[in-house]
PDB file of N, CA and C in Angstrom:
ATOM      1  N   MET A   1       2.478  30.920   9.950  1.00  0.00           N
ATOM      2  CA  MET A   1       3.670  31.755   9.987  1.00  0.00           C
ATOM      3  C   MET A   1       4.338  31.223  11.256  1.00  0.00           C
ATOM      4  N   THR A   2       5.264  30.127  10.914  1.00  0.00           N
ATOM      5  CA  THR A   2       6.350  30.109  11.889  1.00  0.00           C
ATOM      6  C   THR A   2       7.886  31.147  11.813  1.00  0.00           C
ATOM      7  N   HIS A   3       7.999  31.480  11.101  1.00  0.00           N
ATOM      8  CA  HIS A   3       9.310  32.281  10.878  1.00  0.00           C
ATOM      9  C   HIS A   3       9.322  32.947  12.570  1.00  0.00           C
ATOM     10  N   PRO A   4      10.234  33.143  13.252  1.00  0.00           N
ATOM     11  CA  PRO A   4      10.234  33.830  14.502  1.00  0.00           C
ATOM     12  C   PRO A   4      10.465  35.454  14.208  1.00  0.00           C
ATOM     13  N   PHE A   5      11.146  36.022  12.873  1.00  0.00           N
ATOM     14  CA  PHE A   5      11.230  37.359  13.085  1.00  0.00           C
ATOM     15  C   PHE A   5      10.113  38.158  11.984  1.00  0.00           C
ATOM     16  N   HIS A   6       8.916  37.283  11.569  1.00  0.00           N
ATOM     17  CA  HIS A   6       8.148  37.160  10.658  1.00  0.00           C
ATOM     18  C   HIS A   6       7.081  38.443  11.186  1.00  0.00           C
ATOM     19  N   PRO A   7       6.604  39.399  10.547  1.00  0.00           N
ATOM     20  CA  PRO A   7       5.487  40.234  10.861  1.00  0.00           C
ATOM     21  C   PRO A   7       4.651  39.493  11.588  1.00  0.00           C
ATOM     22  N   LEU A   8       4.228  38.635  10.882  1.00  0.00           N
ATOM     23  CA  LEU A   8       3.025  37.444  11.349  1.00  0.00           C
ATOM     24  C   LEU A   8       2.866  36.481  11.601  1.00  0.00           C
ATOM     25  N   HIS A   9       4.307  36.280  11.958  1.00  0.00           N
ATOM     26  CA  HIS A   9       4.780  34.793  13.501  1.00  0.00           C
ATOM     27  C   HIS A   9       3.373  34.910  13.744  1.00  0.00           C
ATOM     28  N   GLY A  10       3.222  33.344  14.069  1.00  0.00           N
ATOM     29  CA  GLY A  10       2.222  33.189  14.902  1.00  0.00           C
ATOM     30  C   GLY A  10       0.713  32.806  14.261  1.00  0.00           C
ATOM     31  N   ARG A  11       0.597  33.512  13.034  1.00  0.00           N
ATOM     32  CA  ARG A  11      -1.004  33.638  12.284  1.00  0.00           C
ATOM     33  C   ARG A  11      -0.864  32.905  11.514  1.00  0.00           C
ATOM     34  N   GLU A  12      -2.449  32.271  11.368  1.00  0.00           N
ATOM     35  CA  GLU A  12      -2.741  31.173  10.429  1.00  0.00           C
ATOM     36  C   GLU A  12      -3.426  31.172   9.485  1.00  0.00           C
ATOM     37  N   PHE A  13      -2.992  30.827   8.527  1.00  0.00           N
ATOM     38  CA  PHE A  13      -3.322  30.992   7.072  1.00  0.00           C
ATOM     39  C   PHE A  13      -3.999  29.397   6.098  1.00  0.00           C
ATOM     40  N   ILE A  14      -4.847  29.588   5.266  1.00  0.00           N
ATOM     41  CA  ILE A  14      -5.627  28.741   4.554  1.00  0.00           C
ATOM     42  C   ILE A  14      -4.791  28.477   3.402  1.00  0.00           C
ATOM     43  N   VAL A  15      -3.724  27.432   2.888  1.00  0.00           N
ATOM     44  CA  VAL A  15      -3.430  27.044   1.830  1.00  0.00           C
ATOM     45  C   VAL A  15      -3.488  26.802   0.851  1.00  0.00           C
ATOM     46  N   VAL A  16      -3.171  27.317  -0.055  1.00  0.00           N
ATOM     47  CA  VAL A  16      -3.822  27.788  -1.427  1.00  0.00           C
ATOM     48  C   VAL A  16      -3.258  26.468  -2.349  1.00  0.00           C
ATOM     49  N   THR A  17      -1.984  26.672  -2.375  1.00  0.00           N
ATOM     50  CA  THR A  17      -0.544  25.804  -2.462  1.00  0.00           C
ATOM     51  C   THR A  17       0.655  25.790  -2.697  1.00  0.00           C
ATOM     52  N   ILE A  18       1.360  25.065  -2.745  1.00  0.00           N
ATOM     53  CA  ILE A  18       2.642  25.298  -2.508  1.00  0.00           C
ATOM     54  C   ILE A  18       3.036  24.446  -4.155  1.00  0.00           C
ATOM     55  N   ARG A  19       4.116  25.460  -4.558  1.00  0.00           N
ATOM     56  CA  ARG A  19       5.029  25.635  -5.704  1.00  0.00           C
ATOM     57  C   ARG A  19       6.498  25.437  -5.476  1.00  0.00           C
ATOM     58  N   ASN A  20       7.714  25.535  -6.398  1.00  0.00           N
ATOM     59  CA  ASN A  20       8.552  25.829  -6.580  1.00  0.00           C
ATOM     60  C   ASN A  20       8.708  27.183  -7.379  1.00  0.00           C
ATOM     61  N   ASN A  21       9.262  27.473  -6.648  1.00  0.00           N
ATOM     62  CA  ASN A  21       9.202  29.110  -7.819  1.00  0.00           C
ATOM     63  C   ASN A  21      10.528  29.753  -7.169  1.00  0.00           C
ATOM     64  N   TRP A  22      11.507  30.144  -7.772  1.00  0.00           N
ATOM     65  CA  TRP A  22      12.839  30.915  -7.870  1.00  0.00           C
ATOM     66  C   TRP A  22      13.590  29.975  -6.796  1.00  0.00           C
ATOM     67  N   GLY A  23      13.649  28.773  -7.304  1.00  0.00           N
ATOM     68  CA  GLY A  23      14.641  27.956  -6.835  1.00  0.00           C
ATOM     69  C   GLY A  23      14.323  27.628  -5.435  1.00  0.00           C
ATOM     70  N   GLU A  24      13.115  28.051  -4.599  1.00  0.00           N
ATOM     71  CA  GLU A  24      12.456  27.518  -3.576  1.00  0.00           C
ATOM     72  C   GLU A  24      11.083  27.334  -3.608  1.00  0.00           C
ATOM     73  N   ASP A  25      10.516  25.684  -2.449  1.00  0.00           N
ATOM     74  CA  ASP A  25       8.872  26.210  -2.153  1.00  0.00           C
ATOM     75  C   ASP A  25       8.239  27.016  -1.983  1.00  0.00           C
ATOM     76  N   ARG A  26       7.081  27.434  -1.957  1.00  0.00           N
ATOM     77  CA  ARG A  26       7.453  28.891  -1.303  1.00  0.00           C
ATOM     78  C   ARG A  26       5.137  28.562  -1.521  1.00  0.00           C
ATOM     79  N   VAL A  27       4.913  28.632  -0.195  1.00  0.00           N
ATOM     80  CA  VAL A  27       3.308  28.828   0.316  1.00  0.00           C
ATOM     81  C   VAL A  27       2.524  29.827  -0.482  1.00  0.00           C
ATOM     82  N   TYR A  28       1.949  29.727  -1.352  1.00  0.00           N
ATOM     83  CA  TYR A  28       0.409  30.217  -1.386  1.00  0.00           C
ATOM     84  C   TYR A  28      -0.685  30.696  -0.677  1.00  0.00           C
ATOM     85  N   TYR A  29      -1.267  31.836  -0.223  1.00  0.00           N
ATOM     86  CA  TYR A  29      -2.082  32.411   0.089  1.00  0.00           C
ATOM     87  C   TYR A  29      -2.735  33.294   0.358  1.00  0.00           C
ATOM     88  N   HIS A  30      -4.403  33.500   0.613  1.00  0.00           N
ATOM     89  CA  HIS A  30      -4.878  34.817   0.242  1.00  0.00           C
ATOM     90  C   HIS A  30      -4.533  35.751   2.009  1.00  0.00           C
ATOM     91  N   ASP A  31      -4.180  36.595   1.847  1.00  0.00           N
ATOM     92  CA  ASP A  31      -4.458  37.683   3.073  1.00  0.00           C
ATOM     93  C   ASP A  31      -5.842  38.266   3.278  1.00  0.00           C
ATOM     94  N   GLU A  32      -5.727  39.010   4.656  1.00  0.00           N
ATOM     95  CA  GLU A  32      -6.912  39.409   5.016  1.00  0.00           C
ATOM     96  C   GLU A  32      -7.495  40.235   3.589  1.00  0.00           C
ATOM     97  N   GLY A  33      -7.215  41.007   3.008  1.00  0.00           N
ATOM     98  CA  GLY A  33      -7.491  41.827   1.936  1.00  0.00           C
ATOM     99  C   GLY A  33      -7.879  40.867   0.885  1.00  0.00           C
ATOM    100  N   GLY A  34      -8.020  39.079   0.768  1.00  0.00           N
ATOM    101  CA  GLY A  34      -8.051  38.229  -0.285  1.00  0.00           C
ATOM    102  C   GLY A  34      -6.752  38.442  -1.205  1.00  0.00           C
ATOM    103  N   HIS A  35      -6.508  38.847  -1.196  1.00  0.00           N
ATOM    104  CA  HIS A  35      -5.342  39.044  -2.521  1.00  0.00           C
ATOM    105  C   HIS A  35      -4.263  37.543  -2.115  1.00  0.00           C
ATOM    106  N   LEU A  36      -3.598  37.373  -3.406  1.00  0.00           N
ATOM    107  CA  LEU A  36      -2.752  36.251  -3.391  1.00  0.00           C
ATOM    108  C   LEU A  36      -1.108  36.274  -2.379  1.00  0.00           C
ATOM    109  N   GLN A  37      -0.733  35.634  -1.706  1.00  0.00           N
ATOM    110  CA  GLN A  37       1.011  36.574  -1.515  1.00  0.00           C
ATOM    111  C   GLN A  37       1.515  34.344  -1.148  1.00  0.00           C
ATOM    112  N   ALA A  38       2.631  35.161  -1.333  1.00  0.00           N
ATOM    113  CA  ALA A  38       3.648  34.012  -1.327  1.00  0.00           C
ATOM    114  C   ALA A  38       4.643  34.083  -0.220  1.00  0.00           C
ATOM    115  N   ILE A  39       5.332  33.358   0.309  1.00  0.00           N
ATOM    116  CA  ILE A  39       6.186  33.019   1.624  1.00  0.00           C
ATOM    117  C   ILE A  39       6.788  31.740   1.652  1.00  0.00           C
ATOM    118  N   PRO A  40       8.156  31.882   1.804  1.00  0.00           N
ATOM    119  CA  PRO A  40       9.184  30.581   1.469  1.00  0.00           C
ATOM    120  C   PRO A  40       8.369  29.364   2.507  1.00  0.00           C
ATOM    121  N   ALA A  41       8.144  28.349   1.961  1.00  0.00           N
ATOM    122  CA  ALA A  41       7.754  27.565   2.392  1.00  0.00           C
ATOM    123  C   ALA A  41       8.712  26.863   4.248  1.00  0.00           C
ATOM    124  N   ALA A  42       9.798  27.259   3.730  1.00  0.00           N
ATOM    125  CA  ALA A  42      10.602  26.819   5.154  1.00  0.00           C
ATOM    126  C   ALA A  42      10.256  27.729   6.160  1.00  0.00           C
ATOM    127  N   TRP A  43       9.794  29.085   5.982  1.00  0.00           N
ATOM    128  CA  TRP A  43       8.511  30.004   7.135  1.00  0.00           C
ATOM    129  C   TRP A  43       7.210  29.445   7.468  1.00  0.00           C
ATOM    130  N   THR A  44       7.030  28.605   7.309  1.00  0.00           N
ATOM    131  CA  THR A  44       6.117  27.892   7.763  1.00  0.00           C
ATOM    132  C   THR A  44       5.881  26.423   8.262  1.00  0.00           C
ATOM    133  N   ASP A  45       4.942  25.658   8.615  1.00  0.00           N
ATOM    134  CA  ASP A  45       5.057  24.372   8.642  1.00  0.00           C
ATOM    135  C   ASP A  45       4.188  23.323   8.105  1.00  0.00           C
ATOM    136  N   ALA A  46       4.123  24.294   6.861  1.00  0.00           N
ATOM    137  CA  ALA A  46       3.380  23.557   5.399  1.00  0.00           C
ATOM    138  C   ALA A  46       4.302  22.406   5.117  1.00  0.00           C
ATOM    139  N   MET A  47       5.477  22.248   5.230  1.00  0.00           N
ATOM    140  CA  MET A  47       6.277  21.128   4.926  1.00  0.00           C
ATOM    141  C   MET A  47       7.000  20.663   5.815  1.00  0.00           C
ATOM    142  N   ALA A  48       7.142  19.309   5.853  1.00  0.00           N
ATOM    143  CA  ALA A  48       8.289  18.332   6.931  1.00  0.00           C
ATOM    144  C   ALA A  48       9.926  19.609   7.471  1.00  0.00           C
ATOM    145  N   ALA A  49       9.700  19.818   8.404  1.00  0.00           N
ATOM    146  CA  ALA A  49      10.860  20.955   8.375  1.00  0.00           C
ATOM    147  C   ALA A  49      12.426  20.157   8.467  1.00  0.00           C
ATOM    148  N   ASP A  50      13.578  21.109   7.807  1.00  0.00           N
ATOM    149  CA  ASP A  50      14.398  20.669   7.543  1.00  0.00           C
ATOM    150  C   ASP A  50      15.323  19.768   8.959  1.00  0.00           C
ATOM    151  N   PRO A  51      15.583  18.578   8.375  1.00  0.00           N
ATOM    152  CA  PRO A  51      16.554  17.469   8.613  1.00  0.00           C
ATOM    153  C   PRO A  51      17.420  18.304   9.765  1.00  0.00           C
ATOM    154  N   THR A  52      18.181  19.139   8.984  1.00  0.00           N
ATOM    155  CA  THR A  52      19.688  19.847   9.813  1.00  0.00           C
ATOM    156  C   THR A  52      18.854  20.736  11.317  1.00  0.00           C
ATOM    157  N   VAL A  53      17.892  21.464  10.852  1.00  0.00           N
ATOM    158  CA  VAL A  53      16.872  22.056  11.434  1.00  0.00           C
ATOM    159  C   VAL A  53      16.653  21.494  13.083  1.00  0.00           C
ATOM    160  N   VAL A  54      16.140  20.452  12.397  1.00  0.00           N
ATOM    161  CA  VAL A  54      15.685  19.422  13.232  1.00  0.00           C
ATOM    162  C   VAL A  54      16.838  18.910  14.007  1.00  0.00           C
ATOM    163  N   ILE A  55      17.581  18.248  13.805  1.00  0.00           N
ATOM    164  CA  ILE A  55      18.864  17.489  14.626  1.00  0.00           C
ATOM    165  C   ILE A  55      19.510  18.752  15.387  1.00  0.00           C
ATOM    166  N   SER A  56      19.588  19.855  14.646  1.00  0.00           N
ATOM    167  CA  SER A  56      20.465  20.691  15.451  1.00  0.00           C
ATOM    168  C   SER A  56      20.058  21.390  16.868  1.00  0.00           C
ATOM    169  N   ALA A  57      18.506  21.116  16.945  1.00  0.00           N
ATOM    170  CA  ALA A  57      17.856  21.168  17.960  1.00  0.00           C
ATOM    171  C   ALA A  57      17.854  23.409  18.411  1.00  0.00           C
ATOM    172  N   GLY A  58      17.728  23.668  17.361  1.00  0.00           N
ATOM    173  CA  GLY A  58      18.250  25.004  17.250  1.00  0.00           C
ATOM    174  C   GLY A  58      19.913  25.808  17.256  1.00  0.00           C
ATOM    175  N   ARG A  59      20.503  25.097  17.707  1.00  0.00           N
ATOM    176  CA  ARG A  59      21.948  25.241  17.777  1.00  0.00           C
ATOM    177  C   ARG A  59      22.683  25.516  16.469  1.00  0.00           C
ATOM    178  N   ALA A  60      22.119  25.498  15.165  1.00  0.00           N
ATOM    179  CA  ALA A  60      22.364  25.562  14.207  1.00  0.00           C
ATOM    180  C   ALA A  60      21.625  26.790  12.848  1.00  0.00           C
ATOM    181  N   PRO A  61      22.078  28.196  13.159  1.00  0.00           N
ATOM    182  CA  PRO A  61      21.151  28.652  12.361  1.00  0.00           C
ATOM    183  C   PRO A  61      20.873  28.747  10.718  1.00  0.00           C
ATOM    184  N   PHE A  62      21.906  28.169  10.372  1.00  0.00           N
ATOM    185  CA  PHE A  62      21.761  27.997   9.155  1.00  0.00           C
ATOM    186  C   PHE A  62      22.206  26.317   8.351  1.00  0.00           C
ATOM    187  N   ARG A  63      21.336  25.936   7.159  1.00  0.00           N
ATOM    188  CA  ARG A  63      21.218  24.779   6.497  1.00  0.00           C
ATOM    189  C   ARG A  63      22.852  24.728   5.734  1.00  0.00           C
ATOM    190  N   LEU A  64      23.403  23.634   5.420  1.00  0.00           N
ATOM    191  CA  LEU A  64      25.063  23.510   5.075  1.00  0.00           C
ATOM    192  C   LEU A  64      24.461  24.173   3.371  1.00  0.00           C
ATOM    193  N   GLN A  65      23.225  24.260   2.684  1.00  0.00           N
ATOM    194  CA  GLN A  65      22.830  24.440   1.378  1.00  0.00           C
ATOM    195  C   GLN A  65      22.567  25.546   1.411  1.00  0.00           C
ATOM    196  N   ASP A  66      22.429  26.647   2.370  1.00  0.00           N
ATOM    197  CA  ASP A  66      22.444  28.028   2.484  1.00  0.00           C
ATOM    198  C   ASP A  66      23.695  28.783   2.349  1.00  0.00           C
ATOM    199  N   LEU A  67      24.449  27.318   3.470  1.00  0.00           N
ATOM    200  CA  LEU A  67      25.969  28.125   4.164  1.00  0.00           C
ATOM    201  C   LEU A  67      27.542  27.881   2.329  1.00  0.00           C
ATOM    202  N   ALA A  68      26.292  26.911   1.648  1.00  0.00           N
ATOM    203  CA  ALA A  68      27.411  26.628   0.329  1.00  0.00           C
ATOM    204  C   ALA A  68      26.984  27.438  -0.591  1.00  0.00           C
ATOM    205  N   GLU A  69      25.556  27.905  -0.401  1.00  0.00           N
ATOM    206  CA  GLU A  69      25.539  29.161  -1.802  1.00  0.00           C
ATOM    207  C   GLU A  69      25.529  30.466  -1.421  1.00  0.00           C
ATOM    208  N   LEU A  70      25.861  30.792   0.112  1.00  0.00           N
ATOM    209  CA  LEU A  70      26.620  32.465   0.971  1.00  0.00           C
ATOM    210  C   LEU A  70      28.085  32.262  -0.327  1.00  0.00           C
ATOM    211  N   ALA A  71      28.843  31.076  -0.083  1.00  0.00           N
ATOM    212  CA  ALA A  71      29.912  30.654  -0.018  1.00  0.00           C
ATOM    213  C   ALA A  71      30.362  31.204  -1.825  1.00  0.00           C
ATOM    214  N   ARG A  72      29.441  30.176  -2.470  1.00  0.00           N
ATOM    215  CA  ARG A  72      29.531  30.705  -3.976  1.00  0.00           C
ATOM    216  C   ARG A  72      29.532  32.216  -4.449  1.00  0.00           C
ATOM    217  N   LEU A  73      28.923  33.076  -3.472  1.00  0.00           N
ATOM    218  CA  LEU A  73      28.125  34.273  -3.569  1.00  0.00           C
ATOM    219  C   LEU A  73      29.107  34.960  -3.342  1.00  0.00           C
ATOM    220  N   VAL A  74      29.837  34.754  -2.372  1.00  0.00           N
ATOM    221  CA  VAL A  74      31.356  35.732  -1.709  1.00  0.00           C
ATOM    222  C   VAL A  74      32.377  35.553  -2.922  1.00  0.00           C
ATOM    223  N   GLU A  75      32.158  34.602  -2.882  1.00  0.00           N
ATOM    224  CA  GLU A  75      33.879  34.369  -4.058  1.00  0.00           C
ATOM    225  C   GLU A  75      33.228  34.873  -5.493  1.00  0.00           C
ATOM    226  N   ARG A  76      31.958  34.965  -6.287  1.00  0.00           N
ATOM    227  CA  ARG A  76      31.805  35.455  -7.496  1.00  0.00           C
ATOM    228  C   ARG A  76      31.845  37.276  -6.937  1.00  0.00           C
ATOM    229  N   ILE A  77      31.455  37.484  -5.651  1.00  0.00           N
ATOM    230  CA  ILE A  77      31.738  38.982  -5.536  1.00  0.00           C
ATOM    231  C   ILE A  77      33.022  39.305  -5.262  1.00  0.00           C
ATOM    232  N   ARG A  78      34.309  38.219  -4.822  1.00  0.00           N
ATOM    233  CA  ARG A  78      35.405  38.301  -4.539  1.00  0.00           C
ATOM    234  C   ARG A  78      36.161  38.961  -5.904  1.00  0.00           C
ATOM    235  N   LYS A  79      35.856  37.965  -7.105  1.00  0.00           N
ATOM    236  CA  LYS A  79      35.958  37.997  -7.908  1.00  0.00           C
ATOM    237  C   LYS A  79      35.685  39.340  -9.176  1.00  0.00           C
ATOM    238  N   GLY A  80      34.939  39.991  -8.574  1.00  0.00           N
ATOM    239  CA  GLY A  80      34.327  40.942  -9.459  1.00  0.00           C
ATOM    240  C   GLY A  80      32.922  40.877 -10.346  1.00  0.00           C
ATOM    241  N   GLY A  81      32.966  39.594  -9.613  1.00  0.00           N
ATOM    242  CA  GLY A  81      31.106  39.012 -10.252  1.00  0.00           C
ATOM    243  C   GLY A  81      29.891  39.940  -9.618  1.00  0.00           C
ATOM    244  N   HIS A  82      28.578  39.601 -10.160  1.00  0.00           N
ATOM    245  CA  HIS A  82      27.686  39.657  -9.662  1.00  0.00           C
ATOM    246  C   HIS A  82      27.163  39.038  -8.894  1.00  0.00           C
ATOM    247  N   ASP A  83      25.886  39.149  -8.215  1.00  0.00           N
ATOM    248  CA  ASP A  83      25.146  38.209  -7.349  1.00  0.00           C
ATOM    249  C   ASP A  83      24.063  37.667  -8.165  1.00  0.00           C
ATOM    250  N   GLY A  84      23.709  37.634  -8.894  1.00  0.00           N
ATOM    251  CA  GLY A  84      22.460  37.088 -10.010  1.00  0.00           C
ATOM    252  C   GLY A  84      22.699  35.807 -10.320  1.00  0.00           C
ATOM    253  N   SER A  85      22.118  34.518 -10.981  1.00  0.00           N
ATOM    254  CA  SER A  85      22.513  33.410 -10.785  1.00  0.00           C
ATOM    255  C   SER A  85      22.371  32.927 -12.551  1.00  0.00           C
TER     256      SER A  85
END
């Protein structure tokens, strides 16, 4: 787990599979109790680092794709829509 604010930061797990669910790549692993868990792949080192994160060297906390999605969400809310896709 590489996400700096996740309670399992620094822990290592054996990856069961990586799948695209809910619009993002997710890593599946078994927790200490043997239960299958899923976390966003971006929170791990299981996949290549996002180029924006690498190039920014920690200076850009958000990816362009995430900011664009946030802008769409804010616009929908301002127009009285909801946040569901």
